[in-house]
């Protein structure tokens, strides 16, 4: 039965993930609670992203400026591509 197989596969993947996290916790510290699992909601992920960004920028002050410059370069490239596409001459008649 496909549902039984999928459920078994899900259990297997969960067991593998917990085994990995357990081994990682033994080697590097950290825990994963089976009794209080965390559900990664969009809000939780947004909060985690914001806290990681803040910590990353405090640890590596130059990275915030680098990311800003890369975004600026991307915006400039997009503007150049849009401007170039409006000046293209079509060689194909329709």
PDB file of N, CA and C in Angstrom:
ATOM      1  N   UNK A   1       0.846  -1.188   0.000  1.00  0.00           N
ATOM      2  CA  UNK A   1       0.000   0.000   0.000  1.00  0.00           C
ATOM      3  C   UNK A   1       0.889   1.247   0.000  1.00  0.00           C
ATOM      4  N   UNK A   2       0.658   2.236  -0.894  1.00  0.00           N
ATOM      5  CA  UNK A   2       1.530   3.404  -1.013  1.00  0.00           C
ATOM      6  C   UNK A   2       1.614   4.244   0.260  1.00  0.00           C
ATOM      7  N   UNK A   3       0.489   4.403   0.980  1.00  0.00           N
ATOM      8  CA  UNK A   3       0.503   5.215   2.199  1.00  0.00           C
ATOM      9  C   UNK A   3       1.398   4.586   3.256  1.00  0.00           C
ATOM     10  N   UNK A   4       1.312   3.253   3.367  1.00  0.00           N
ATOM     11  CA  UNK A   4       2.130   2.552   4.349  1.00  0.00           C
ATOM     12  C   UNK A   4       3.609   2.721   4.017  1.00  0.00           C
ATOM     13  N   UNK A   5       3.941   2.609   2.735  1.00  0.00           N
ATOM     14  CA  UNK A   5       5.328   2.778   2.306  1.00  0.00           C
ATOM     15  C   UNK A   5       5.798   4.208   2.577  1.00  0.00           C
ATOM     16  N   UNK A   6       4.966   5.189   2.251  1.00  0.00           N
ATOM     17  CA  UNK A   6       5.335   6.591   2.474  1.00  0.00           C
ATOM     18  C   UNK A   6       5.504   6.861   3.959  1.00  0.00           C
ATOM     19  N   UNK A   7       4.610   6.299   4.778  1.00  0.00           N
ATOM     20  CA  UNK A   7       4.703   6.499   6.222  1.00  0.00           C
ATOM     21  C   UNK A   7       5.985   5.863   6.753  1.00  0.00           C
ATOM     22  N   UNK A   8       6.297   4.666   6.252  1.00  0.00           N
ATOM     23  CA  UNK A   8       7.530   4.001   6.653  1.00  0.00           C
ATOM     24  C   UNK A   8       8.755   4.797   6.237  1.00  0.00           C
ATOM     25  N   UNK A   9       8.708   5.382   5.058  1.00  0.00           N
ATOM     26  CA  UNK A   9       9.816   6.195   4.569  1.00  0.00           C
ATOM     27  C   UNK A   9       9.979   7.447   5.425  1.00  0.00           C
ATOM     28  N   UNK A  10       8.863   8.047   5.793  1.00  0.00           N
ATOM     29  CA  UNK A  10       8.907   9.231   6.647  1.00  0.00           C
ATOM     30  C   UNK A  10       9.515   8.889   8.006  1.00  0.00           C
ATOM     31  N   UNK A  11       9.102   7.761   8.581  1.00  0.00           N
ATOM     32  CA  UNK A  11       9.674   7.319   9.860  1.00  0.00           C
ATOM     33  C   UNK A  11      11.174   7.073   9.723  1.00  0.00           C
ATOM     34  N   UNK A  12      11.562   6.443   8.619  1.00  0.00           N
ATOM     35  CA  UNK A  12      12.976   6.166   8.374  1.00  0.00           C
ATOM     36  C   UNK A  12      13.782   7.464   8.283  1.00  0.00           C
ATOM     37  N   UNK A  13      13.257   8.428   7.519  1.00  0.00           N
ATOM     38  CA  UNK A  13      13.956   9.709   7.378  1.00  0.00           C
ATOM     39  C   UNK A  13      14.048  10.431   8.716  1.00  0.00           C
ATOM     40  N   UNK A  14      12.965  10.381   9.498  1.00  0.00           N
ATOM     41  CA  UNK A  14      12.967  11.015  10.815  1.00  0.00           C
ATOM     42  C   UNK A  14      14.016  10.359  11.711  1.00  0.00           C
ATOM     43  N   UNK A  15      14.076   9.017  11.699  1.00  0.00           N
ATOM     44  CA  UNK A  15      15.061   8.298  12.505  1.00  0.00           C
ATOM     45  C   UNK A  15      16.484   8.664  12.089  1.00  0.00           C
ATOM     46  N   UNK A  16      16.715   8.753  10.781  1.00  0.00           N
ATOM     47  CA  UNK A  16      18.047   9.133  10.291  1.00  0.00           C
ATOM     48  C   UNK A  16      18.406  10.548  10.731  1.00  0.00           C
ATOM     49  N   UNK A  17      17.449  11.464  10.630  1.00  0.00           N
ATOM     50  CA  UNK A  17      17.699  12.854  11.025  1.00  0.00           C
ATOM     51  C   UNK A  17      18.001  12.942  12.516  1.00  0.00           C
ATOM     52  N   UNK A  18      17.220  12.224  13.327  1.00  0.00           N
ATOM     53  CA  UNK A  18      17.461  12.252  14.771  1.00  0.00           C
ATOM     54  C   UNK A  18      18.796  11.600  15.122  1.00  0.00           C
ATOM     55  N   UNK A  19      19.159  10.530  14.416  1.00  0.00           N
ATOM     56  CA  UNK A  19      20.454   9.889  14.647  1.00  0.00           C
ATOM     57  C   UNK A  19      21.583  10.853  14.305  1.00  0.00           C
ATOM     58  N   UNK A  20      21.445  11.566  13.185  1.00  0.00           N
ATOM     59  CA  UNK A  20      22.450  12.552  12.786  1.00  0.00           C
ATOM     60  C   UNK A  20      22.576  13.639  13.848  1.00  0.00           C
ATOM     61  N   UNK A  21      21.423  14.175  14.275  1.00  0.00           N
ATOM     62  CA  UNK A  21      21.452  15.244  15.272  1.00  0.00           C
ATOM     63  C   UNK A  21      22.019  14.748  16.599  1.00  0.00           C
ATOM     64  N   UNK A  22      21.700  13.504  16.957  1.00  0.00           N
ATOM     65  CA  UNK A  22      22.244  12.942  18.191  1.00  0.00           C
ATOM     66  C   UNK A  22      23.750  12.793  18.119  1.00  0.00           C
ATOM     67  N   UNK A  23      24.258  12.297  16.998  1.00  0.00           N
ATOM     68  CA  UNK A  23      25.702  12.140  16.817  1.00  0.00           C
ATOM     69  C   UNK A  23      26.379  13.508  16.802  1.00  0.00           C
ATOM     70  N   UNK A  24      25.739  14.462  16.122  1.00  0.00           N
ATOM     71  CA  UNK A  24      26.280  15.822  16.067  1.00  0.00           C
ATOM     72  C   UNK A  24      26.322  16.421  17.472  1.00  0.00           C
ATOM     73  N   UNK A  25      25.268  16.185  18.266  1.00  0.00           N
ATOM     74  CA  UNK A  25      25.222  16.705  19.631  1.00  0.00           C
ATOM     75  C   UNK A  25      26.335  16.097  20.474  1.00  0.00           C
ATOM     76  N   UNK A  26      26.622  14.804  20.268  1.00  0.00           N
ATOM     77  CA  UNK A  26      27.703  14.165  21.011  1.00  0.00           C
ATOM     78  C   UNK A  26      29.048  14.784  20.659  1.00  0.00           C
ATOM     79  N   UNK A  27      29.236  15.069  19.379  1.00  0.00           N
ATOM     80  CA  UNK A  27      30.529  15.587  18.931  1.00  0.00           C
ATOM     81  C   UNK A  27      30.688  17.082  19.173  1.00  0.00           C
ATOM     82  N   UNK A  28      29.636  17.847  18.926  1.00  0.00           N
ATOM     83  CA  UNK A  28      29.762  19.302  18.919  1.00  0.00           C
ATOM     84  C   UNK A  28      28.878  20.011  19.941  1.00  0.00           C
ATOM     85  N   UNK A  29      28.047  19.291  20.650  1.00  0.00           N
ATOM     86  CA  UNK A  29      27.110  19.920  21.576  1.00  0.00           C
ATOM     87  C   UNK A  29      25.813  20.238  20.863  1.00  0.00           C
ATOM     88  N   UNK A  30      24.830  20.677  21.621  1.00  0.00           N
ATOM     89  CA  UNK A  30      23.531  20.980  21.035  1.00  0.00           C
ATOM     90  C   UNK A  30      22.580  19.821  21.248  1.00  0.00           C
ATOM     91  N   UNK A  31      21.309  20.116  21.217  1.00  0.00           N
ATOM     92  CA  UNK A  31      20.328  19.067  21.481  1.00  0.00           C
ATOM     93  C   UNK A  31      19.160  19.172  20.521  1.00  0.00           C
ATOM     94  N   UNK A  32      18.451  18.087  20.379  1.00  0.00           N
ATOM     95  CA  UNK A  32      17.204  18.043  19.628  1.00  0.00           C
ATOM     96  C   UNK A  32      16.214  17.283  20.494  1.00  0.00           C
ATOM     97  N   UNK A  33      15.142  17.936  20.884  1.00  0.00           N
ATOM     98  CA  UNK A  33      14.176  17.330  21.788  1.00  0.00           C
ATOM     99  C   UNK A  33      13.106  16.571  21.010  1.00  0.00           C
ATOM    100  N   UNK A  34      12.937  15.286  21.342  1.00  0.00           N
ATOM    101  CA  UNK A  34      11.862  14.499  20.733  1.00  0.00           C
ATOM    102  C   UNK A  34      10.520  14.878  21.340  1.00  0.00           C
ATOM    103  N   UNK A  35      10.534  15.325  22.601  1.00  0.00           N
ATOM    104  CA  UNK A  35       9.281  15.636  23.291  1.00  0.00           C
ATOM    105  C   UNK A  35       8.769  17.033  22.983  1.00  0.00           C
ATOM    106  N   UNK A  36       9.642  17.933  22.575  1.00  0.00           N
ATOM    107  CA  UNK A  36       9.234  19.303  22.237  1.00  0.00           C
ATOM    108  C   UNK A  36       9.779  19.676  20.862  1.00  0.00           C
ATOM    109  N   UNK A  37       9.236  19.057  19.820  1.00  0.00           N
ATOM    110  CA  UNK A  37       9.743  19.387  18.477  1.00  0.00           C
ATOM    111  C   UNK A  37       9.396  20.821  18.108  1.00  0.00           C
ATOM    112  N   UNK A  38      10.246  21.420  17.318  1.00  0.00           N
ATOM    113  CA  UNK A  38       9.995  22.775  16.835  1.00  0.00           C
ATOM    114  C   UNK A  38       9.368  22.703  15.458  1.00  0.00           C
ATOM    115  N   UNK A  39       8.338  23.473  15.281  1.00  0.00           N
ATOM    116  CA  UNK A  39       7.704  23.565  13.975  1.00  0.00           C
ATOM    117  C   UNK A  39       8.205  24.848  13.339  1.00  0.00           C
ATOM    118  N   UNK A  40       8.810  24.726  12.183  1.00  0.00           N
ATOM    119  CA  UNK A  40       9.402  25.881  11.516  1.00  0.00           C
ATOM    120  C   UNK A  40       8.325  26.644  10.757  1.00  0.00           C
ATOM    121  N   UNK A  41       7.697  27.570  11.451  1.00  0.00           N
ATOM    122  CA  UNK A  41       6.670  28.402  10.833  1.00  0.00           C
ATOM    123  C   UNK A  41       7.345  29.519  10.053  1.00  0.00           C
ATOM    124  N   UNK A  42       6.650  30.147   9.127  1.00  0.00           N
ATOM    125  CA  UNK A  42       7.238  31.276   8.401  1.00  0.00           C
ATOM    126  C   UNK A  42       7.719  32.386   9.345  1.00  0.00           C
ATOM    127  N   UNK A  43       6.969  32.641  10.421  1.00  0.00           N
ATOM    128  CA  UNK A  43       7.380  33.682  11.368  1.00  0.00           C
ATOM    129  C   UNK A  43       8.652  33.281  12.107  1.00  0.00           C
ATOM    130  N   UNK A  44       8.735  32.010  12.508  1.00  0.00           N
ATOM    131  CA  UNK A  44       9.929  31.536  13.201  1.00  0.00           C
ATOM    132  C   UNK A  44      11.149  31.631  12.286  1.00  0.00           C
ATOM    133  N   UNK A  45      10.973  31.264  11.021  1.00  0.00           N
ATOM    134  CA  UNK A  45      12.081  31.356  10.070  1.00  0.00           C
ATOM    135  C   UNK A  45      12.502  32.801   9.843  1.00  0.00           C
ATOM    136  N   UNK A  46      11.531  33.719   9.770  1.00  0.00           N
ATOM    137  CA  UNK A  46      11.853  35.138   9.592  1.00  0.00           C
ATOM    138  C   UNK A  46      12.614  35.665  10.804  1.00  0.00           C
ATOM    139  N   UNK A  47      12.182  35.272  12.006  1.00  0.00           N
ATOM    140  CA  UNK A  47      12.879  35.697  13.225  1.00  0.00           C
ATOM    141  C   UNK A  47      14.291  35.129  13.270  1.00  0.00           C
ATOM    142  N   UNK A  48      14.431  33.863  12.890  1.00  0.00           N
ATOM    143  CA  UNK A  48      15.745  33.227  12.869  1.00  0.00           C
ATOM    144  C   UNK A  48      16.656  33.910  11.859  1.00  0.00           C
ATOM    145  N   UNK A  49      16.115  34.223  10.685  1.00  0.00           N
ATOM    146  CA  UNK A  49      16.895  34.922   9.663  1.00  0.00           C
ATOM    147  C   UNK A  49      17.376  36.274  10.184  1.00  0.00           C
ATOM    148  N   UNK A  50      16.491  37.010  10.842  1.00  0.00           N
ATOM    149  CA  UNK A  50      16.858  38.330  11.364  1.00  0.00           C
ATOM    150  C   UNK A  50      17.927  38.216  12.449  1.00  0.00           C
ATOM    151  N   UNK A  51      17.773  37.257  13.356  1.00  0.00           N
ATOM    152  CA  UNK A  51      18.775  37.118  14.425  1.00  0.00           C
ATOM    153  C   UNK A  51      20.112  36.645  13.865  1.00  0.00           C
ATOM    154  N   UNK A  52      20.079  35.746  12.880  1.00  0.00           N
ATOM    155  CA  UNK A  52      21.326  35.294  12.250  1.00  0.00           C
ATOM    156  C   UNK A  52      22.022  36.441  11.529  1.00  0.00           C
ATOM    157  N   UNK A  53      21.225  37.277  10.830  1.00  0.00           N
ATOM    158  CA  UNK A  53      21.799  38.415  10.118  1.00  0.00           C
ATOM    159  C   UNK A  53      22.466  39.377  11.101  1.00  0.00           C
ATOM    160  N   UNK A  54      21.775  39.662  12.202  1.00  0.00           N
ATOM    161  CA  UNK A  54      22.326  40.572  13.211  1.00  0.00           C
ATOM    162  C   UNK A  54      23.620  40.023  13.787  1.00  0.00           C
ATOM    163  N   UNK A  55      23.613  38.734  14.131  1.00  0.00           N
ATOM    164  CA  UNK A  55      24.818  38.120  14.695  1.00  0.00           C
ATOM    165  C   UNK A  55      25.951  38.093  13.667  1.00  0.00           C
ATOM    166  N   UNK A  56      25.618  37.749  12.430  1.00  0.00           N
ATOM    167  CA  UNK A  56      26.631  37.686  11.372  1.00  0.00           C
ATOM    168  C   UNK A  56      27.264  39.054  11.147  1.00  0.00           C
ATOM    169  N   UNK A  57      26.436  40.099  11.118  1.00  0.00           N
ATOM    170  CA  UNK A  57      26.972  41.440  10.876  1.00  0.00           C
ATOM    171  C   UNK A  57      27.770  41.955  12.068  1.00  0.00           C
ATOM    172  N   UNK A  58      27.455  41.502  13.276  1.00  0.00           N
ATOM    173  CA  UNK A  58      28.262  41.919  14.424  1.00  0.00           C
ATOM    174  C   UNK A  58      29.596  41.172  14.444  1.00  0.00           C
ATOM    175  N   UNK A  59      29.593  39.913  13.989  1.00  0.00           N
ATOM    176  CA  UNK A  59      30.837  39.140  13.946  1.00  0.00           C
ATOM    177  C   UNK A  59      31.721  39.552  12.768  1.00  0.00           C
ATOM    178  N   UNK A  60      31.091  39.900  11.653  1.00  0.00           N
ATOM    179  CA  UNK A  60      31.813  40.267  10.436  1.00  0.00           C
ATOM    180  C   UNK A  60      31.261  41.599   9.935  1.00  0.00           C
ATOM    181  N   UNK A  61      31.729  42.724  10.495  1.00  0.00           N
ATOM    182  CA  UNK A  61      31.151  44.028  10.143  1.00  0.00           C
ATOM    183  C   UNK A  61      31.250  44.355   8.650  1.00  0.00           C
ATOM    184  N   UNK A  62      32.247  43.855   7.977  1.00  0.00           N
ATOM    185  CA  UNK A  62      32.434  44.151   6.559  1.00  0.00           C
ATOM    186  C   UNK A  62      31.385  43.457   5.692  1.00  0.00           C
ATOM    187  N   UNK A  63      30.770  42.380   6.202  1.00  0.00           N
ATOM    188  CA  UNK A  63      29.842  41.606   5.386  1.00  0.00           C
ATOM    189  C   UNK A  63      28.576  42.394   5.047  1.00  0.00           C
ATOM    190  N   UNK A  64      28.096  43.214   5.977  1.00  0.00           N
ATOM    191  CA  UNK A  64      26.890  44.002   5.707  1.00  0.00           C
ATOM    192  C   UNK A  64      27.133  44.942   4.530  1.00  0.00           C
ATOM    193  N   UNK A  65      28.282  45.585   4.511  1.00  0.00           N
ATOM    194  CA  UNK A  65      28.617  46.492   3.406  1.00  0.00           C
ATOM    195  C   UNK A  65      28.776  45.713   2.100  1.00  0.00           C
ATOM    196  N   UNK A  66      29.401  44.545   2.168  1.00  0.00           N
ATOM    197  CA  UNK A  66      29.578  43.715   0.978  1.00  0.00           C
ATOM    198  C   UNK A  66      28.230  43.306   0.390  1.00  0.00           C
ATOM    199  N   UNK A  67      27.303  42.873   1.238  1.00  0.00           N
ATOM    200  CA  UNK A  67      25.977  42.472   0.760  1.00  0.00           C
ATOM    201  C   UNK A  67      25.249  43.654   0.136  1.00  0.00           C
ATOM    202  N   UNK A  68      25.412  44.820   0.724  1.00  0.00           N
ATOM    203  CA  UNK A  68      24.784  46.025   0.182  1.00  0.00           C
ATOM    204  C   UNK A  68      25.352  46.347  -1.201  1.00  0.00           C
ATOM    205  N   UNK A  69      26.675  46.256  -1.337  1.00  0.00           N
ATOM    206  CA  UNK A  69      27.311  46.522  -2.633  1.00  0.00           C
ATOM    207  C   UNK A  69      26.888  45.499  -3.686  1.00  0.00           C
ATOM    208  N   UNK A  70      26.772  44.238  -3.287  1.00  0.00           N
ATOM    209  CA  UNK A  70      26.353  43.211  -4.243  1.00  0.00           C
ATOM    210  C   UNK A  70      24.922  43.455  -4.714  1.00  0.00           C
ATOM    211  N   UNK A  71      24.051  43.874  -3.805  1.00  0.00           N
ATOM    212  CA  UNK A  71      22.671  44.197  -4.191  1.00  0.00           C
ATOM    213  C   UNK A  71      22.643  45.373  -5.151  1.00  0.00           C
ATOM    214  N   UNK A  72      23.480  46.359  -4.881  1.00  0.00           N
ATOM    215  CA  UNK A  72      23.553  47.535  -5.755  1.00  0.00           C
ATOM    216  C   UNK A  72      24.039  47.143  -7.150  1.00  0.00           C
ATOM    217  N   UNK A  73      25.029  46.269  -7.220  1.00  0.00           N
ATOM    218  CA  UNK A  73      25.543  45.792  -8.505  1.00  0.00           C
ATOM    219  C   UNK A  73      24.453  45.032  -9.259  1.00  0.00           C
ATOM    220  N   UNK A  74      23.707  44.176  -8.547  1.00  0.00           N
ATOM    221  CA  UNK A  74      22.617  43.427  -9.189  1.00  0.00           C
ATOM    222  C   UNK A  74      21.563  44.361  -9.767  1.00  0.00           C
ATOM    223  N   UNK A  75      21.186  45.374  -8.988  1.00  0.00           N
ATOM    224  CA  UNK A  75      20.185  46.333  -9.474  1.00  0.00           C
ATOM    225  C   UNK A  75      20.701  47.067 -10.711  1.00  0.00           C
ATOM    226  N   UNK A  76      21.970  47.456 -10.692  1.00  0.00           N
ATOM    227  CA  UNK A  76      22.558  48.141 -11.845  1.00  0.00           C
ATOM    228  C   UNK A  76      22.558  47.241 -13.070  1.00  0.00           C
ATOM    229  N   UNK A  77      22.922  45.970 -12.885  1.00  0.00           N
ATOM    230  CA  UNK A  77      22.935  45.020 -13.995  1.00  0.00           C
ATOM    231  C   UNK A  77      21.539  44.859 -14.587  1.00  0.00           C
ATOM    232  N   UNK A  78      20.527  44.755 -13.713  1.00  0.00           N
ATOM    233  CA  UNK A  78      19.153  44.614 -14.194  1.00  0.00           C
ATOM    234  C   UNK A  78      18.727  45.844 -14.986  1.00  0.00           C
ATOM    235  N   UNK A  79      19.106  47.027 -14.515  1.00  0.00           N
ATOM    236  CA  UNK A  79      18.764  48.256 -15.231  1.00  0.00           C
ATOM    237  C   UNK A  79      19.442  48.297 -16.592  1.00  0.00           C
ATOM    238  N   UNK A  80      20.695  47.864 -16.645  1.00  0.00           N
ATOM    239  CA  UNK A  80      21.433  47.834 -17.912  1.00  0.00           C
ATOM    240  C   UNK A  80      20.772  46.850 -18.876  1.00  0.00           C
ATOM    241  N   UNK A  81      20.387  45.668 -18.365  1.00  0.00           N
ATOM    242  CA  UNK A  81      19.746  44.660 -19.218  1.00  0.00           C
ATOM    243  C   UNK A  81      18.411  45.154 -19.758  1.00  0.00           C
ATOM    244  N   UNK A  82      17.634  45.825 -18.920  1.00  0.00           N
ATOM    245  CA  UNK A  82      16.342  46.356 -19.365  1.00  0.00           C
ATOM    246  C   UNK A  82      16.566  47.431 -20.417  1.00  0.00           C
ATOM    247  N   UNK A  83      17.516  48.324 -20.172  1.00  0.00           N
ATOM    248  CA  UNK A  83      17.799  49.390 -21.131  1.00  0.00           C
ATOM    249  C   UNK A  83      18.294  48.813 -22.455  1.00  0.00           C
ATOM    250  N   UNK A  84      19.145  47.791 -22.389  1.00  0.00           N
ATOM    251  CA  UNK A  84      19.673  47.176 -23.610  1.00  0.00           C
ATOM    252  C   UNK A  84      18.569  46.465 -24.383  1.00  0.00           C
ATOM    253  N   UNK A  85      17.649  45.828 -23.678  1.00  0.00           N
ATOM    254  CA  UNK A  85      16.591  45.094 -24.379  1.00  0.00           C
ATOM    255  C   UNK A  85      15.616  46.039 -25.073  1.00  0.00           C
ATOM    256  N   UNK A  86      15.465  47.244 -24.583  1.00  0.00           N
ATOM    257  CA  UNK A  86      14.562  48.194 -25.239  1.00  0.00           C
ATOM    258  C   UNK A  86      15.205  48.811 -26.475  1.00  0.00           C
ATOM    259  N   UNK A  87      16.537  48.742 -26.571  1.00  0.00           N
ATOM    260  CA  UNK A  87      17.229  49.311 -27.731  1.00  0.00           C
ATOM    261  C   UNK A  87      17.555  48.273 -28.790  1.00  0.00           C
ATOM    262  N   UNK A  88      17.149  47.032 -28.579  1.00  0.00           N
ATOM    263  CA  UNK A  88      17.464  45.971 -29.542  1.00  0.00           C
ATOM    264  C   UNK A  88      16.665  46.168 -30.827  1.00  0.00           C
ATOM    265  N   UNK A  89      17.304  45.848 -31.920  1.00  0.00           N
ATOM    266  CA  UNK A  89      16.650  45.904 -33.221  1.00  0.00           C
ATOM    267  C   UNK A  89      16.382  44.473 -33.650  1.00  0.00           C
ATOM    268  N   UNK A  90      15.159  44.198 -33.993  1.00  0.00           N
ATOM    269  CA  UNK A  90      14.798  42.850 -34.401  1.00  0.00           C
ATOM    270  C   UNK A  90      15.164  42.646 -35.866  1.00  0.00           C
ATOM    271  N   UNK A  91      15.858  41.558 -36.146  1.00  0.00           N
ATOM    272  CA  UNK A  91      16.224  41.216 -37.515  1.00  0.00           C
ATOM    273  C   UNK A  91      15.213  40.255 -38.127  1.00  0.00           C
ATOM    274  N   UNK A  92      14.291  39.799 -37.325  1.00  0.00           N
ATOM    275  CA  UNK A  92      13.280  38.856 -37.782  1.00  0.00           C
ATOM    276  C   UNK A  92      11.993  39.628 -38.042  1.00  0.00           C
ATOM    277  N   UNK A  93      11.447  39.441 -39.243  1.00  0.00           N
ATOM    278  CA  UNK A  93      10.178  40.103 -39.541  1.00  0.00           C
ATOM    279  C   UNK A  93       9.042  39.230 -39.042  1.00  0.00           C
ATOM    280  N   UNK A  94       8.015  39.870 -38.554  1.00  0.00           N
ATOM    281  CA  UNK A  94       6.881  39.097 -38.029  1.00  0.00           C
ATOM    282  C   UNK A  94       5.669  39.249 -38.902  1.00  0.00           C
TER     283      UNK A  94
END
